[in-house]
Amino acid sequence: MIRIVVAILLIGHGLVHLLGFVVPWRLATLEEMPYKTTLLAGNLDVGAAGIRVVGLLWLLAAIGFVVAGVAVFTLRPWWGIVTLGVTLFSLALCILGWPDARFGLLINLIILAYLLFGWR
């Protein structure tokens, strides 16, 4: 049962990462997430092209979490290393996206704690 819950949570976390893709690529307009070209709490302006590259990184993280969730669900032996890698990658993205991505940062820290101290 816990395996199914973890898989669903990882996939859900991955789907939320799509917001980091659709806004920079202007595929969606969200009042809560306005389009901007800055990172690190507005201290680093990467321009329109740079923010699209960052958007692709968020898409990559989304795919990674979905793969991790499917790996957990299907009992793949490599689920842990994939989950660890994508979580660390997402953690870096959340730092770049601070403070907007602060909730994602918290979720990533919970996932890391789970990987280090939880289910084996």
C-alpha atoms as a PDB file:
ATOM      1  CA  MET A   1       0.000   0.000   0.000  1.00  0.00           C
ATOM      2  CA  ILE A   2       2.791   2.433   0.909  1.00  0.00           C
ATOM      3  CA  ARG A   3       4.393   1.734  -2.468  1.00  0.00           C
ATOM      4  CA  ILE A   4       1.262   2.902  -4.276  1.00  0.00           C
ATOM      5  CA  VAL A   5       0.999   6.054  -2.158  1.00  0.00           C
ATOM      6  CA  VAL A   6       4.674   6.900  -2.751  1.00  0.00           C
ATOM      7  CA  ALA A   7       4.288   6.291  -6.489  1.00  0.00           C
ATOM      8  CA  ILE A   8       1.239   8.564  -6.686  1.00  0.00           C
ATOM      9  CA  LEU A   9       2.978  11.290  -4.674  1.00  0.00           C
ATOM     10  CA  LEU A  10       6.076  11.175  -6.886  1.00  0.00           C
ATOM     11  CA  ILE A  11       3.994  11.334 -10.056  1.00  0.00           C
ATOM     12  CA  GLY A  12       1.919  14.175  -8.610  1.00  0.00           C
ATOM     13  CA  HIS A  13       5.058  16.067  -7.620  1.00  0.00           C
ATOM     14  CA  GLY A  14       6.324  15.583 -11.156  1.00  0.00           C
ATOM     15  CA  LEU A  15       3.135  16.936 -12.677  1.00  0.00           C
ATOM     16  CA  VAL A  16       3.408  20.078 -10.546  1.00  0.00           C
ATOM     17  CA  HIS A  17       6.858  20.625 -12.086  1.00  0.00           C
ATOM     18  CA  LEU A  18       5.096  21.183 -15.413  1.00  0.00           C
ATOM     19  CA  LEU A  19       4.166  24.648 -14.131  1.00  0.00           C
ATOM     20  CA  GLY A  20       7.850  25.528 -14.335  1.00  0.00           C
ATOM     21  CA  PHE A  21       7.707  24.622 -18.018  1.00  0.00           C
ATOM     22  CA  VAL A  22       4.385  25.997 -19.258  1.00  0.00           C
ATOM     23  CA  VAL A  23       4.816  29.503 -17.798  1.00  0.00           C
ATOM     24  CA  PRO A  24       8.301  30.259 -19.214  1.00  0.00           C
ATOM     25  CA  TRP A  25       7.228  28.844 -22.569  1.00  0.00           C
ATOM     26  CA  ARG A  26       4.042  30.944 -22.366  1.00  0.00           C
ATOM     27  CA  LEU A  27       1.834  27.916 -22.926  1.00  0.00           C
ATOM     28  CA  ALA A  28      -0.326  29.022 -20.005  1.00  0.00           C
ATOM     29  CA  THR A  29      -0.973  32.199 -18.096  1.00  0.00           C
ATOM     30  CA  LEU A  30      -1.360  31.767 -14.370  1.00  0.00           C
ATOM     31  CA  GLU A  31      -2.208  34.603 -12.027  1.00  0.00           C
ATOM     32  CA  GLU A  32      -0.286  32.883  -9.227  1.00  0.00           C
ATOM     33  CA  MET A  33       2.808  32.414 -11.427  1.00  0.00           C
ATOM     34  CA  PRO A  34       3.359  35.416 -13.678  1.00  0.00           C
ATOM     35  CA  TYR A  35       5.851  35.194 -16.527  1.00  0.00           C
ATOM     36  CA  LYS A  36       9.257  36.545 -15.567  1.00  0.00           C
ATOM     37  CA  THR A  37      12.828  36.144 -16.736  1.00  0.00           C
ATOM     38  CA  THR A  38      14.550  36.218 -13.356  1.00  0.00           C
ATOM     39  CA  LEU A  39      15.882  33.606 -10.962  1.00  0.00           C
ATOM     40  CA  LEU A  40      17.143  33.639  -7.373  1.00  0.00           C
ATOM     41  CA  ALA A  41      14.393  35.876  -5.999  1.00  0.00           C
ATOM     42  CA  GLY A  42      14.684  38.284  -8.924  1.00  0.00           C
ATOM     43  CA  ASN A  43      18.436  38.796  -8.535  1.00  0.00           C
ATOM     44  CA  LEU A  44      19.501  37.098 -11.781  1.00  0.00           C
ATOM     45  CA  ASP A  45      17.903  38.079 -15.086  1.00  0.00           C
ATOM     46  CA  VAL A  46      18.477  35.336 -17.655  1.00  0.00           C
ATOM     47  CA  GLY A  47      16.326  36.861 -20.395  1.00  0.00           C
ATOM     48  CA  ALA A  48      13.600  35.230 -22.461  1.00  0.00           C
ATOM     49  CA  ALA A  49      15.849  32.566 -24.004  1.00  0.00           C
ATOM     50  CA  GLY A  50      17.436  31.723 -20.658  1.00  0.00           C
ATOM     51  CA  ILE A  51      14.126  31.299 -18.888  1.00  0.00           C
ATOM     52  CA  ARG A  52      12.991  28.946 -21.664  1.00  0.00           C
ATOM     53  CA  VAL A  53      16.078  26.822 -21.013  1.00  0.00           C
ATOM     54  CA  VAL A  54      15.166  26.793 -17.323  1.00  0.00           C
ATOM     55  CA  GLY A  55      11.642  25.798 -18.373  1.00  0.00           C
ATOM     56  CA  LEU A  56      13.088  22.800 -20.200  1.00  0.00           C
ATOM     57  CA  LEU A  57      14.925  21.830 -17.021  1.00  0.00           C
ATOM     58  CA  TRP A  58      11.613  21.910 -15.117  1.00  0.00           C
ATOM     59  CA  LEU A  59      10.127  19.678 -17.840  1.00  0.00           C
ATOM     60  CA  LEU A  60      13.036  17.268 -17.435  1.00  0.00           C
ATOM     61  CA  ALA A  61      12.413  17.153 -13.677  1.00  0.00           C
ATOM     62  CA  ALA A  62       8.709  16.490 -14.308  1.00  0.00           C
ATOM     63  CA  ILE A  63       9.559  13.555 -16.559  1.00  0.00           C
ATOM     64  CA  GLY A  64      12.080  12.292 -14.009  1.00  0.00           C
ATOM     65  CA  PHE A  65       9.541  12.253 -11.183  1.00  0.00           C
ATOM     66  CA  VAL A  66       6.975  10.458 -13.335  1.00  0.00           C
ATOM     67  CA  VAL A  67       9.610   7.854 -14.244  1.00  0.00           C
ATOM     68  CA  ALA A  68      10.529   7.537 -10.550  1.00  0.00           C
ATOM     69  CA  GLY A  69       6.877   7.080  -9.590  1.00  0.00           C
ATOM     70  CA  VAL A  70       6.342   4.412 -12.225  1.00  0.00           C
ATOM     71  CA  ALA A  71       9.562   2.704 -11.090  1.00  0.00           C
ATOM     72  CA  VAL A  72       8.307   2.608  -7.496  1.00  0.00           C
ATOM     73  CA  PHE A  73       4.914   1.301  -8.596  1.00  0.00           C
ATOM     74  CA  THR A  74       6.428  -1.437 -10.782  1.00  0.00           C
ATOM     75  CA  LEU A  75       9.069  -2.392  -8.189  1.00  0.00           C
ATOM     76  CA  ARG A  76      12.066  -1.584 -10.366  1.00  0.00           C
ATOM     77  CA  PRO A  77      15.324  -2.083  -8.464  1.00  0.00           C
ATOM     78  CA  TRP A  78      16.673   1.271  -9.688  1.00  0.00           C
ATOM     79  CA  TRP A  79      13.799   3.355  -8.317  1.00  0.00           C
ATOM     80  CA  GLY A  80      15.880   4.721  -5.431  1.00  0.00           C
ATOM     81  CA  ILE A  81      18.775   6.082  -7.461  1.00  0.00           C
ATOM     82  CA  VAL A  82      16.443   7.677 -10.012  1.00  0.00           C
ATOM     83  CA  THR A  83      14.348   9.232  -7.253  1.00  0.00           C
ATOM     84  CA  LEU A  84      17.451  10.527  -5.486  1.00  0.00           C
ATOM     85  CA  GLY A  85      18.873  12.011  -8.680  1.00  0.00           C
ATOM     86  CA  VAL A  86      15.697  13.741  -9.796  1.00  0.00           C
ATOM     87  CA  THR A  87      15.028  15.018  -6.277  1.00  0.00           C
ATOM     88  CA  LEU A  88      18.480  16.613  -6.043  1.00  0.00           C
ATOM     89  CA  PHE A  89      17.993  18.086  -9.526  1.00  0.00           C
ATOM     90  CA  SER A  90      14.604  19.464  -8.502  1.00  0.00           C
ATOM     91  CA  LEU A  91      16.087  20.845  -5.296  1.00  0.00           C
ATOM     92  CA  ALA A  92      18.550  22.880  -7.372  1.00  0.00           C
ATOM     93  CA  LEU A  93      15.689  24.159  -9.550  1.00  0.00           C
ATOM     94  CA  CYS A  94      13.708  25.133  -6.468  1.00  0.00           C
ATOM     95  CA  ILE A  95      16.663  27.113  -5.160  1.00  0.00           C
ATOM     96  CA  LEU A  96      16.860  28.936  -8.497  1.00  0.00           C
ATOM     97  CA  GLY A  97      13.109  29.522  -8.346  1.00  0.00           C
ATOM     98  CA  TRP A  98      13.112  30.766  -4.753  1.00  0.00           C
ATOM     99  CA  PRO A  99      10.817  32.008  -3.217  1.00  0.00           C
ATOM    100  CA  ASP A 100       8.132  30.901  -5.691  1.00  0.00           C
ATOM    101  CA  ALA A 101       9.284  27.273  -5.474  1.00  0.00           C
ATOM    102  CA  ARG A 102       9.605  27.150  -1.674  1.00  0.00           C
ATOM    103  CA  PHE A 103       6.845  24.560  -1.271  1.00  0.00           C
ATOM    104  CA  GLY A 104       8.543  22.336  -3.847  1.00  0.00           C
ATOM    105  CA  LEU A 105      11.786  22.692  -1.930  1.00  0.00           C
ATOM    106  CA  LEU A 106      10.032  21.451   1.209  1.00  0.00           C
ATOM    107  CA  ILE A 107       8.552  18.472  -0.662  1.00  0.00           C
ATOM    108  CA  ASN A 108      12.001  17.622  -2.047  1.00  0.00           C
ATOM    109  CA  LEU A 109      13.485  17.690   1.455  1.00  0.00           C
ATOM    110  CA  ILE A 110      10.725  15.337   2.637  1.00  0.00           C
ATOM    111  CA  ILE A 111      11.468  12.982  -0.270  1.00  0.00           C
ATOM    112  CA  LEU A 112      15.180  13.053   0.579  1.00  0.00           C
ATOM    113  CA  ALA A 113      14.436  12.285   4.236  1.00  0.00           C
ATOM    114  CA  TYR A 114      12.231   9.401   3.126  1.00  0.00           C
ATOM    115  CA  LEU A 115      14.997   8.056   0.887  1.00  0.00           C
ATOM    116  CA  LEU A 116      17.588   8.321   3.643  1.00  0.00           C
ATOM    117  CA  PHE A 117      15.548   7.102   6.610  1.00  0.00           C
ATOM    118  CA  GLY A 118      12.387   5.502   5.259  1.00  0.00           C
ATOM    119  CA  TRP A 119      11.205   2.587   3.219  1.00  0.00           C
ATOM    120  CA  ARG A 120      13.738   0.153   1.725  1.00  0.00           C
END
